[in-house]
Amino acid sequence: MTAIELHRPTPADAEELLAFELDNRAYFEHWINARPASYYSLEAVRQAIDAAARERTADTAHQFLIKAEGRIVGRINLTGVVRPHFGKAMLGYRIAEACAGRGHASAAVALVLKEAFEGLKLWRIEATARPENAGSVRVLERNGFTLFGRSLRSMWLRGQWYDLLQFERHNEIDPMQ
């Protein structure tokens, strides 16, 4: 596997990020609900990058590009950051179809957990995966996530309800100490 790195998105990434999203649109929409058609323009991607910077400053979300050999191969995000009393965030990620199965997702999750626990001092990271997405479930399990529940009929996608598996991972060092 090629080594991967996490980078916060910057305006310089806009064109490559748009190409990444367009190239993988159908693949991603197999697993998650589609972004609005209006997202797929250079201006919309630039606005999304600006929004990510504002969310980072506000400590409500932390978005990263996954790069291998300097090229975007995926995205990984910590969203819904809740600091007081919880110290938690929600993990989400996506890997380009051409790069699936190469270990990029597992490596990116390991890197973002290091950032979440050491850099951001979060206590709990949550994630969901559809049971049908065995690859994503394996990525979470490889990174020490524990299944704690199943939400029945909780995601509407392409005219059908899907269940979601609920996973959690805790910081081994209590950041409140």
Foldseek 3Di string as FASTA:
>chain_A
DFDKDKDQDDLVCLVLVLVQCVQQQVVVLVFAPHDPPVCNDSVNSNVVSVVQVVCVVVVAKHKIFIDGPRHGFKIKMWHRQDPPPALETEIDMDGGPVCPPVCSLLNVVLVVVCCSCPVVVGFKYKYKGFPVPVSVVVSCVVNPKDFDDKAFQPHAHPNDGTIITMIMDGRPDRSVD
